[in-house]
Amino acid sequence: MIYLTASNRIIERQRVSQGGVTATVVDHRLIVKRALELLATQLILIHNHPSGAAEASAQDRLLTEKVARAAALFDIRLLDHLIISREGDFSFLRAGLLR
C-alpha cells in the first residue's frame, strides 16, 4: 500500500498483508484507518500474483471496490490498484476499472 499527499508525495509504504501462494486477506477498513492517521488523500494498492497471471481476479475487483468506496467516504482517492506478476502487470486504472 502506498499512501500519498494531494501533490503525490509518498507519505508511507506499508505491507498490509502477506499471504500464501493462492490467497491473502486484506481488510479495507485497516487501509482507510491508516490513511486517516497519516492524513493521506490518495492511495495506490499494489500486490503480486505468485501464480504468474497478470489479470484481476474477482477477489481483486471486490477489494478494489471496497477500498475505493470506503476511502471516498473520507475524500481519499484510490489512484490505482496494480497487480504485478511474472507475465507482466495489470492496472485497474489503465483497464478502465477505476475512475
PDB file of N, CA and C in Angstrom:
ATOM      1  N   MET A   1       0.846  -1.160   0.000  1.00  0.00           N
ATOM      2  CA  MET A   1       0.000   0.000   0.000  1.00  0.00           C
ATOM      3  C   MET A   1       0.900   1.233   0.000  1.00  0.00           C
ATOM      4  N   ILE A   2       0.550   2.197  -0.824  1.00  0.00           N
ATOM      5  CA  ILE A   2       1.276   3.464  -0.828  1.00  0.00           C
ATOM      6  C   ILE A   2       0.279   4.559  -0.470  1.00  0.00           C
ATOM      7  N   TYR A   3       0.624   5.334   0.539  1.00  0.00           N
ATOM      8  CA  TYR A   3      -0.201   6.453   0.995  1.00  0.00           C
ATOM      9  C   TYR A   3       0.454   7.738   0.512  1.00  0.00           C
ATOM     10  N   LEU A   4      -0.350   8.622  -0.115  1.00  0.00           N
ATOM     11  CA  LEU A   4       0.196   9.832  -0.724  1.00  0.00           C
ATOM     12  C   LEU A   4      -0.541  11.093  -0.281  1.00  0.00           C
ATOM     13  N   THR A   5       0.153  12.226  -0.466  1.00  0.00           N
ATOM     14  CA  THR A   5      -0.466  13.535  -0.267  1.00  0.00           C
ATOM     15  C   THR A   5      -1.211  13.919  -1.542  1.00  0.00           C
ATOM     16  N   ALA A   6      -1.897  15.046  -1.498  1.00  0.00           N
ATOM     17  CA  ALA A   6      -2.611  15.550  -2.678  1.00  0.00           C
ATOM     18  C   ALA A   6      -1.652  15.893  -3.813  1.00  0.00           C
ATOM     19  N   SER A   7      -0.395  16.186  -3.479  1.00  0.00           N
ATOM     20  CA  SER A   7       0.604  16.514  -4.506  1.00  0.00           C
ATOM     21  C   SER A   7       1.450  15.295  -4.895  1.00  0.00           C
ATOM     22  N   ASN A   8       0.933  14.108  -4.615  1.00  0.00           N
ATOM     23  CA  ASN A   8       1.570  12.831  -4.978  1.00  0.00           C
ATOM     24  C   ASN A   8       2.887  12.553  -4.256  1.00  0.00           C
ATOM     25  N   ARG A   9       3.092  13.163  -3.114  1.00  0.00           N
ATOM     26  CA  ARG A   9       4.277  12.852  -2.311  1.00  0.00           C
ATOM     27  C   ARG A   9       3.971  11.616  -1.476  1.00  0.00           C
ATOM     28  N   ILE A  10       4.884  10.654  -1.491  1.00  0.00           N
ATOM     29  CA  ILE A  10       4.681   9.433  -0.712  1.00  0.00           C
ATOM     30  C   ILE A  10       4.856   9.742   0.767  1.00  0.00           C
ATOM     31  N   ILE A  11       3.838   9.403   1.535  1.00  0.00           N
ATOM     32  CA  ILE A  11       3.895   9.562   2.985  1.00  0.00           C
ATOM     33  C   ILE A  11       4.441   8.286   3.614  1.00  0.00           C
ATOM     34  N   GLU A  12       3.925   7.154   3.123  1.00  0.00           N
ATOM     35  CA  GLU A  12       4.325   5.869   3.699  1.00  0.00           C
ATOM     36  C   GLU A  12       4.054   4.744   2.715  1.00  0.00           C
ATOM     37  N   ARG A  13       4.919   3.750   2.756  1.00  0.00           N
ATOM     38  CA  ARG A  13       4.684   2.480   2.066  1.00  0.00           C
ATOM     39  C   ARG A  13       4.494   1.448   3.159  1.00  0.00           C
ATOM     40  N   GLN A  14       3.472   0.625   3.014  1.00  0.00           N
ATOM     41  CA  GLN A  14       3.157  -0.320   4.082  1.00  0.00           C
ATOM     42  C   GLN A  14       2.705  -1.653   3.505  1.00  0.00           C
ATOM     43  N   ARG A  15       3.185  -2.725   4.089  1.00  0.00           N
ATOM     44  CA  ARG A  15       2.679  -4.054   3.747  1.00  0.00           C
ATOM     45  C   ARG A  15       1.436  -4.270   4.598  1.00  0.00           C
ATOM     46  N   VAL A  16       0.309  -4.447   3.960  1.00  0.00           N
ATOM     47  CA  VAL A  16      -0.948  -4.615   4.702  1.00  0.00           C
ATOM     48  C   VAL A  16      -1.329  -6.075   4.857  1.00  0.00           C
ATOM     49  N   SER A  17      -0.657  -6.948   4.121  1.00  0.00           N
ATOM     50  CA  SER A  17      -0.941  -8.373   4.236  1.00  0.00           C
ATOM     51  C   SER A  17       0.172  -9.160   3.574  1.00  0.00           C
ATOM     52  N   GLN A  18       0.362 -10.367   4.058  1.00  0.00           N
ATOM     53  CA  GLN A  18       1.288 -11.287   3.411  1.00  0.00           C
ATOM     54  C   GLN A  18       0.594 -12.629   3.388  1.00  0.00           C
ATOM     55  N   GLY A  19       0.413 -13.158   2.199  1.00  0.00           N
ATOM     56  CA  GLY A  19      -0.362 -14.382   2.078  1.00  0.00           C
ATOM     57  C   GLY A  19       0.425 -15.540   1.541  1.00  0.00           C
ATOM     58  N   GLY A  20      -0.327 -16.571   1.230  1.00  0.00           N
ATOM     59  CA  GLY A  20       0.260 -17.778   0.680  1.00  0.00           C
ATOM     60  C   GLY A  20       0.299 -17.727  -0.833  1.00  0.00           C
ATOM     61  N   VAL A  21       0.417 -18.878  -1.423  1.00  0.00           N
ATOM     62  CA  VAL A  21       0.530 -18.987  -2.872  1.00  0.00           C
ATOM     63  C   VAL A  21      -0.788 -18.668  -3.560  1.00  0.00           C
ATOM     64  N   THR A  22      -1.912 -18.996  -2.923  1.00  0.00           N
ATOM     65  CA  THR A  22      -3.205 -18.841  -3.596  1.00  0.00           C
ATOM     66  C   THR A  22      -4.048 -17.675  -3.113  1.00  0.00           C
ATOM     67  N   ALA A  23      -3.828 -17.194  -1.900  1.00  0.00           N
ATOM     68  CA  ALA A  23      -4.707 -16.130  -1.402  1.00  0.00           C
ATOM     69  C   ALA A  23      -4.085 -15.408  -0.216  1.00  0.00           C
ATOM     70  N   THR A  24      -4.659 -14.243   0.062  1.00  0.00           N
ATOM     71  CA  THR A  24      -4.297 -13.467   1.240  1.00  0.00           C
ATOM     72  C   THR A  24      -5.527 -12.695   1.691  1.00  0.00           C
ATOM     73  N   VAL A  25      -5.523 -12.247   2.926  1.00  0.00           N
ATOM     74  CA  VAL A  25      -6.653 -11.493   3.456  1.00  0.00           C
ATOM     75  C   VAL A  25      -6.215 -10.047   3.660  1.00  0.00           C
ATOM     76  N   VAL A  26      -6.995  -9.126   3.109  1.00  0.00           N
ATOM     77  CA  VAL A  26      -6.725  -7.696   3.262  1.00  0.00           C
ATOM     78  C   VAL A  26      -7.996  -7.048   3.777  1.00  0.00           C
ATOM     79  N   ASP A  27      -7.890  -6.282   4.857  1.00  0.00           N
ATOM     80  CA  ASP A  27      -9.049  -5.599   5.429  1.00  0.00           C
ATOM     81  C   ASP A  27      -9.064  -4.151   4.945  1.00  0.00           C
ATOM     82  N   HIS A  28     -10.036  -3.819   4.131  1.00  0.00           N
ATOM     83  CA  HIS A  28     -10.130  -2.466   3.573  1.00  0.00           C
ATOM     84  C   HIS A  28     -10.278  -1.409   4.663  1.00  0.00           C
ATOM     85  N   ARG A  29     -10.867  -1.779   5.785  1.00  0.00           N
ATOM     86  CA  ARG A  29     -11.050  -0.815   6.885  1.00  0.00           C
ATOM     87  C   ARG A  29      -9.720  -0.400   7.488  1.00  0.00           C
ATOM     88  N   LEU A  30      -8.788  -1.345   7.589  1.00  0.00           N
ATOM     89  CA  LEU A  30      -7.465  -1.012   8.132  1.00  0.00           C
ATOM     90  C   LEU A  30      -6.675  -0.116   7.183  1.00  0.00           C
ATOM     91  N   ILE A  31      -6.869  -0.303   5.890  1.00  0.00           N
ATOM     92  CA  ILE A  31      -6.216   0.562   4.905  1.00  0.00           C
ATOM     93  C   ILE A  31      -6.703   1.998   5.064  1.00  0.00           C
ATOM     94  N   VAL A  32      -8.013   2.166   5.161  1.00  0.00           N
ATOM     95  CA  VAL A  32      -8.585   3.512   5.300  1.00  0.00           C
ATOM     96  C   VAL A  32      -8.227   4.111   6.657  1.00  0.00           C
ATOM     97  N   LYS A  33      -8.228   3.294   7.701  1.00  0.00           N
ATOM     98  CA  LYS A  33      -7.843   3.776   9.035  1.00  0.00           C
ATOM     99  C   LYS A  33      -6.434   4.359   9.006  1.00  0.00           C
ATOM    100  N   ARG A  34      -5.505   3.647   8.372  1.00  0.00           N
ATOM    101  CA  ARG A  34      -4.126   4.129   8.300  1.00  0.00           C
ATOM    102  C   ARG A  34      -4.031   5.397   7.458  1.00  0.00           C
ATOM    103  N   ALA A  35      -4.789   5.462   6.377  1.00  0.00           N
ATOM    104  CA  ALA A  35      -4.803   6.676   5.545  1.00  0.00           C
ATOM    105  C   ALA A  35      -5.256   7.877   6.364  1.00  0.00           C
ATOM    106  N   LEU A  36      -6.263   7.686   7.193  1.00  0.00           N
ATOM    107  CA  LEU A  36      -6.749   8.779   8.042  1.00  0.00           C
ATOM    108  C   LEU A  36      -5.696   9.183   9.070  1.00  0.00           C
ATOM    109  N   GLU A  37      -5.025   8.207   9.663  1.00  0.00           N
ATOM    110  CA  GLU A  37      -3.967   8.506  10.634  1.00  0.00           C
ATOM    111  C   GLU A  37      -2.841   9.321  10.005  1.00  0.00           C
ATOM    112  N   LEU A  38      -2.536   9.022   8.749  1.00  0.00           N
ATOM    113  CA  LEU A  38      -1.442   9.705   8.050  1.00  0.00           C
ATOM    114  C   LEU A  38      -1.874  10.995   7.366  1.00  0.00           C
ATOM    115  N   LEU A  39      -3.178  11.265   7.370  1.00  0.00           N
ATOM    116  CA  LEU A  39      -3.762  12.388   6.642  1.00  0.00           C
ATOM    117  C   LEU A  39      -3.486  12.269   5.142  1.00  0.00           C
ATOM    118  N   ALA A  40      -3.445  11.040   4.654  1.00  0.00           N
ATOM    119  CA  ALA A  40      -3.246  10.794   3.222  1.00  0.00           C
ATOM    120  C   ALA A  40      -4.520  11.153   2.466  1.00  0.00           C
ATOM    121  N   THR A  41      -4.357  11.639   1.261  1.00  0.00           N
ATOM    122  CA  THR A  41      -5.520  11.968   0.433  1.00  0.00           C
ATOM    123  C   THR A  41      -5.624  11.068  -0.793  1.00  0.00           C
ATOM    124  N   GLN A  42      -4.588  10.246  -1.008  1.00  0.00           N
ATOM    125  CA  GLN A  42      -4.585   9.354  -2.161  1.00  0.00           C
ATOM    126  C   GLN A  42      -3.903   8.038  -1.783  1.00  0.00           C
ATOM    127  N   LEU A  43      -4.309   6.974  -2.473  1.00  0.00           N
ATOM    128  CA  LEU A  43      -3.783   5.642  -2.195  1.00  0.00           C
ATOM    129  C   LEU A  43      -3.448   4.927  -3.500  1.00  0.00           C
ATOM    130  N   ILE A  44      -2.466   4.051  -3.435  1.00  0.00           N
ATOM    131  CA  ILE A  44      -2.201   3.112  -4.519  1.00  0.00           C
ATOM    132  C   ILE A  44      -2.040   1.743  -3.870  1.00  0.00           C
ATOM    133  N   LEU A  45      -2.838   0.806  -4.318  1.00  0.00           N
ATOM    134  CA  LEU A  45      -2.788  -0.566  -3.824  1.00  0.00           C
ATOM    135  C   LEU A  45      -1.965  -1.388  -4.808  1.00  0.00           C
ATOM    136  N   ILE A  46      -1.001  -2.138  -4.300  1.00  0.00           N
ATOM    137  CA  ILE A  46      -0.129  -2.949  -5.154  1.00  0.00           C
ATOM    138  C   ILE A  46      -0.003  -4.339  -4.540  1.00  0.00           C
ATOM    139  N   HIS A  47      -0.133  -5.355  -5.382  1.00  0.00           N
ATOM    140  CA  HIS A  47       0.156  -6.704  -4.908  1.00  0.00           C
ATOM    141  C   HIS A  47       0.639  -7.571  -6.057  1.00  0.00           C
ATOM    142  N   ASN A  48       1.130  -8.744  -5.695  1.00  0.00           N
ATOM    143  CA  ASN A  48       1.635  -9.639  -6.731  1.00  0.00           C
ATOM    144  C   ASN A  48       0.741 -10.868  -6.851  1.00  0.00           C
ATOM    145  N   HIS A  49       0.868 -11.529  -7.972  1.00  0.00           N
ATOM    146  CA  HIS A  49       0.216 -12.812  -8.203  1.00  0.00           C
ATOM    147  C   HIS A  49       1.320 -13.850  -8.399  1.00  0.00           C
ATOM    148  N   PRO A  50       1.639 -14.609  -7.361  1.00  0.00           N
ATOM    149  CA  PRO A  50       2.687 -15.628  -7.495  1.00  0.00           C
ATOM    150  C   PRO A  50       2.381 -16.654  -8.587  1.00  0.00           C
ATOM    151  N   SER A  51       1.100 -16.816  -8.912  1.00  0.00           N
ATOM    152  CA  SER A  51       0.711 -17.774  -9.952  1.00  0.00           C
ATOM    153  C   SER A  51       1.212 -17.353 -11.326  1.00  0.00           C
ATOM    154  N   GLY A  52       1.523 -16.072 -11.472  1.00  0.00           N
ATOM    155  CA  GLY A  52       2.013 -15.567 -12.747  1.00  0.00           C
ATOM    156  C   GLY A  52       0.969 -14.864 -13.578  1.00  0.00           C
ATOM    157  N   ALA A  53      -0.298 -14.976 -13.223  1.00  0.00           N
ATOM    158  CA  ALA A  53      -1.372 -14.365 -14.016  1.00  0.00           C
ATOM    159  C   ALA A  53      -1.418 -12.858 -13.794  1.00  0.00           C
ATOM    160  N   ALA A  54      -1.296 -12.110 -14.872  1.00  0.00           N
ATOM    161  CA  ALA A  54      -1.378 -10.644 -14.798  1.00  0.00           C
ATOM    162  C   ALA A  54      -2.804 -10.216 -15.113  1.00  0.00           C
ATOM    163  N   GLU A  55      -3.741 -10.764 -14.374  1.00  0.00           N
ATOM    164  CA  GLU A  55      -5.170 -10.489 -14.546  1.00  0.00           C
ATOM    165  C   GLU A  55      -5.773 -10.212 -13.180  1.00  0.00           C
ATOM    166  N   ALA A  56      -6.837  -9.448 -13.161  1.00  0.00           N
ATOM    167  CA  ALA A  56      -7.540  -9.168 -11.911  1.00  0.00           C
ATOM    168  C   ALA A  56      -8.561 -10.268 -11.646  1.00  0.00           C
ATOM    169  N   SER A  57      -8.480 -10.867 -10.467  1.00  0.00           N
ATOM    170  CA  SER A  57      -9.447 -11.890 -10.081  1.00  0.00           C
ATOM    171  C   SER A  57     -10.715 -11.223  -9.555  1.00  0.00           C
ATOM    172  N   ALA A  58     -11.740 -12.013  -9.338  1.00  0.00           N
ATOM    173  CA  ALA A  58     -12.978 -11.490  -8.751  1.00  0.00           C
ATOM    174  C   ALA A  58     -12.697 -10.911  -7.370  1.00  0.00           C
ATOM    175  N   GLN A  59     -11.819 -11.564  -6.602  1.00  0.00           N
ATOM    176  CA  GLN A  59     -11.460 -11.064  -5.271  1.00  0.00           C
ATOM    177  C   GLN A  59     -10.702  -9.744  -5.369  1.00  0.00           C
ATOM    178  N   ASP A  60      -9.847  -9.609  -6.378  1.00  0.00           N
ATOM    179  CA  ASP A  60      -9.121  -8.349  -6.591  1.00  0.00           C
ATOM    180  C   ASP A  60     -10.097  -7.219  -6.893  1.00  0.00           C
ATOM    181  N   ARG A  61     -11.074  -7.506  -7.733  1.00  0.00           N
ATOM    182  CA  ARG A  61     -12.078  -6.499  -8.098  1.00  0.00           C
ATOM    183  C   ARG A  61     -12.907  -6.087  -6.888  1.00  0.00           C
ATOM    184  N   LEU A  62     -13.281  -7.069  -6.072  1.00  0.00           N
ATOM    185  CA  LEU A  62     -14.072  -6.775  -4.877  1.00  0.00           C
ATOM    186  C   LEU A  62     -13.272  -5.925  -3.893  1.00  0.00           C
ATOM    187  N   LEU A  63     -12.016  -6.280  -3.665  1.00  0.00           N
ATOM    188  CA  LEU A  63     -11.168  -5.496  -2.763  1.00  0.00           C
ATOM    189  C   LEU A  63     -11.022  -4.068  -3.265  1.00  0.00           C
ATOM    190  N   THR A  64     -10.795  -3.912  -4.550  1.00  0.00           N
ATOM    191  CA  THR A  64     -10.640  -2.577  -5.137  1.00  0.00           C
ATOM    192  C   THR A  64     -11.890  -1.746  -4.907  1.00  0.00           C
ATOM    193  N   GLU A  65     -13.035  -2.339  -5.139  1.00  0.00           N
ATOM    194  CA  GLU A  65     -14.301  -1.630  -4.937  1.00  0.00           C
ATOM    195  C   GLU A  65     -14.491  -1.244  -3.476  1.00  0.00           C
ATOM    196  N   LYS A  66     -14.190  -2.169  -2.564  1.00  0.00           N
ATOM    197  CA  LYS A  66     -14.346  -1.885  -1.130  1.00  0.00           C
ATOM    198  C   LYS A  66     -13.417  -0.761  -0.676  1.00  0.00           C
ATOM    199  N   VAL A  67     -12.154  -0.821  -1.088  1.00  0.00           N
ATOM    200  CA  VAL A  67     -11.196   0.220  -0.691  1.00  0.00           C
ATOM    201  C   VAL A  67     -11.612   1.563  -1.280  1.00  0.00           C
ATOM    202  N   ALA A  68     -11.955   1.587  -2.553  1.00  0.00           N
ATOM    203  CA  ALA A  68     -12.331   2.844  -3.214  1.00  0.00           C
ATOM    204  C   ALA A  68     -13.555   3.468  -2.558  1.00  0.00           C
ATOM    205  N   ARG A  69     -14.568   2.666  -2.277  1.00  0.00           N
ATOM    206  CA  ARG A  69     -15.796   3.200  -1.663  1.00  0.00           C
ATOM    207  C   ARG A  69     -15.563   3.680  -0.238  1.00  0.00           C
ATOM    208  N   ALA A  70     -14.854   2.883   0.555  1.00  0.00           N
ATOM    209  CA  ALA A  70     -14.595   3.271   1.943  1.00  0.00           C
ATOM    210  C   ALA A  70     -13.737   4.533   1.997  1.00  0.00           C
ATOM    211  N   ALA A  71     -12.719   4.599   1.164  1.00  0.00           N
ATOM    212  CA  ALA A  71     -11.838   5.769   1.141  1.00  0.00           C
ATOM    213  C   ALA A  71     -12.592   7.013   0.690  1.00  0.00           C
ATOM    214  N   ALA A  72     -13.460   6.862  -0.287  1.00  0.00           N
ATOM    215  CA  ALA A  72     -14.209   8.007  -0.827  1.00  0.00           C
ATOM    216  C   ALA A  72     -15.084   8.670   0.230  1.00  0.00           C
ATOM    217  N   LEU A  73     -15.524   7.915   1.215  1.00  0.00           N
ATOM    218  CA  LEU A  73     -16.329   8.498   2.297  1.00  0.00           C
ATOM    219  C   LEU A  73     -15.561   9.581   3.046  1.00  0.00           C
ATOM    220  N   PHE A  74     -14.234   9.508   2.993  1.00  0.00           N
ATOM    221  CA  PHE A  74     -13.371  10.472   3.684  1.00  0.00           C
ATOM    222  C   PHE A  74     -12.589  11.333   2.694  1.00  0.00           C
ATOM    223  N   ASP A  75     -13.081  11.426   1.462  1.00  0.00           N
ATOM    224  CA  ASP A  75     -12.421  12.211   0.412  1.00  0.00           C
ATOM    225  C   ASP A  75     -10.995  11.750   0.139  1.00  0.00           C
ATOM    226  N   ILE A  76     -10.783  10.451   0.249  1.00  0.00           N
ATOM    227  CA  ILE A  76      -9.497   9.843  -0.083  1.00  0.00           C
ATOM    228  C   ILE A  76      -9.703   9.081  -1.389  1.00  0.00           C
ATOM    229  N   ARG A  77      -8.800   9.266  -2.326  1.00  0.00           N
ATOM    230  CA  ARG A  77      -8.961   8.682  -3.661  1.00  0.00           C
ATOM    231  C   ARG A  77      -8.009   7.504  -3.867  1.00  0.00           C
ATOM    232  N   LEU A  78      -8.556   6.398  -4.329  1.00  0.00           N
ATOM    233  CA  LEU A  78      -7.729   5.271  -4.746  1.00  0.00           C
ATOM    234  C   LEU A  78      -7.292   5.548  -6.178  1.00  0.00           C
ATOM    235  N   LEU A  79      -6.008   5.848  -6.358  1.00  0.00           N
ATOM    236  CA  LEU A  79      -5.496   6.210  -7.681  1.00  0.00           C
ATOM    237  C   LEU A  79      -5.388   5.009  -8.609  1.00  0.00           C
ATOM    238  N   ASP A  80      -4.952   3.875  -8.070  1.00  0.00           N
ATOM    239  CA  ASP A  80      -4.808   2.679  -8.895  1.00  0.00           C
ATOM    240  C   ASP A  80      -4.626   1.464  -7.997  1.00  0.00           C
ATOM    241  N   HIS A  81      -4.889   0.316  -8.560  1.00  0.00           N
ATOM    242  CA  HIS A  81      -4.595  -0.971  -7.942  1.00  0.00           C
ATOM    243  C   HIS A  81      -3.779  -1.721  -8.977  1.00  0.00           C
ATOM    244  N   LEU A  82      -2.537  -1.989  -8.642  1.00  0.00           N
ATOM    245  CA  LEU A  82      -1.608  -2.635  -9.569  1.00  0.00           C
ATOM    246  C   LEU A  82      -1.362  -4.076  -9.156  1.00  0.00           C
ATOM    247  N   ILE A  83      -1.365  -4.958 -10.138  1.00  0.00           N
ATOM    248  CA  ILE A  83      -1.044  -6.363  -9.915  1.00  0.00           C
ATOM    249  C   ILE A  83       0.217  -6.663 -10.715  1.00  0.00           C
ATOM    250  N   ILE A  84       1.212  -7.200 -10.034  1.00  0.00           N
ATOM    251  CA  ILE A  84       2.494  -7.497 -10.657  1.00  0.00           C
ATOM    252  C   ILE A  84       2.659  -9.020 -10.698  1.00  0.00           C
ATOM    253  N   SER A  85       3.107  -9.536 -11.829  1.00  0.00           N
ATOM    254  CA  SER A  85       3.348 -10.979 -11.943  1.00  0.00           C
ATOM    255  C   SER A  85       4.490 -11.234 -12.914  1.00  0.00           C
ATOM    256  N   ARG A  86       4.863 -12.495 -13.033  1.00  0.00           N
ATOM    257  CA  ARG A  86       5.923 -12.862 -13.989  1.00  0.00           C
ATOM    258  C   ARG A  86       5.506 -12.554 -15.422  1.00  0.00           C
ATOM    259  N   GLU A  87       4.197 -12.609 -15.702  1.00  0.00           N
ATOM    260  CA  GLU A  87       3.694 -12.370 -17.057  1.00  0.00           C
ATOM    261  C   GLU A  87       3.590 -10.890 -17.408  1.00  0.00           C
ATOM    262  N   GLY A  88       3.700 -10.026 -16.418  1.00  0.00           N
ATOM    263  CA  GLY A  88       3.564  -8.594 -16.664  1.00  0.00           C
ATOM    264  C   GLY A  88       2.842  -7.911 -15.523  1.00  0.00           C
ATOM    265  N   ASP A  89       2.043  -6.924 -15.861  1.00  0.00           N
ATOM    266  CA  ASP A  89       1.325  -6.189 -14.827  1.00  0.00           C
ATOM    267  C   ASP A  89      -0.092  -5.876 -15.296  1.00  0.00           C
ATOM    268  N   PHE A  90      -0.932  -5.534 -14.326  1.00  0.00           N
ATOM    269  CA  PHE A  90      -2.316  -5.161 -14.600  1.00  0.00           C
ATOM    270  C   PHE A  90      -2.617  -3.916 -13.786  1.00  0.00           C
ATOM    271  N   SER A  91      -3.200  -2.918 -14.414  1.00  0.00           N
ATOM    272  CA  SER A  91      -3.581  -1.674 -13.755  1.00  0.00           C
ATOM    273  C   SER A  91      -5.091  -1.508 -13.849  1.00  0.00           C
ATOM    274  N   PHE A  92      -5.750  -1.370 -12.715  1.00  0.00           N
ATOM    275  CA  PHE A  92      -7.192  -1.139 -12.717  1.00  0.00           C
ATOM    276  C   PHE A  92      -7.521   0.178 -13.411  1.00  0.00           C
ATOM    277  N   LEU A  93      -6.682   1.180 -13.236  1.00  0.00           N
ATOM    278  CA  LEU A  93      -6.907   2.469 -13.886  1.00  0.00           C
ATOM    279  C   LEU A  93      -6.792   2.328 -15.402  1.00  0.00           C
ATOM    280  N   ARG A  94      -5.731   1.722 -15.855  1.00  0.00           N
ATOM    281  CA  ARG A  94      -5.496   1.540 -17.284  1.00  0.00           C
ATOM    282  C   ARG A  94      -6.594   0.689 -17.933  1.00  0.00           C
ATOM    283  N   ALA A  95      -7.131  -0.272 -17.173  1.00  0.00           N
ATOM    284  CA  ALA A  95      -8.191  -1.143 -17.693  1.00  0.00           C
ATOM    285  C   ALA A  95      -9.566  -0.480 -17.636  1.00  0.00           C
ATOM    286  N   GLY A  96      -9.620   0.755 -17.103  1.00  0.00           N
ATOM    287  CA  GLY A  96     -10.889   1.467 -17.023  1.00  0.00           C
ATOM    288  C   GLY A  96     -11.780   1.014 -15.887  1.00  0.00           C
ATOM    289  N   LEU A  97     -11.197   0.349 -14.885  1.00  0.00           N
ATOM    290  CA  LEU A  97     -11.977  -0.156 -13.762  1.00  0.00           C
ATOM    291  C   LEU A  97     -11.969   0.784 -12.565  1.00  0.00           C
ATOM    292  N   LEU A  98     -11.258   1.886 -12.673  1.00  0.00           N
ATOM    293  CA  LEU A  98     -11.244   2.936 -11.646  1.00  0.00           C
ATOM    294  C   LEU A  98     -11.489   4.269 -12.324  1.00  0.00           C
ATOM    295  N   ARG A  99     -12.189   5.148 -11.634  1.00  0.00           N
ATOM    296  CA  ARG A  99     -12.448   6.485 -12.183  1.00  0.00           C
ATOM    297  C   ARG A  99     -11.477   7.486 -11.621  1.00  0.00           C
TER     298      ARG A  99
END
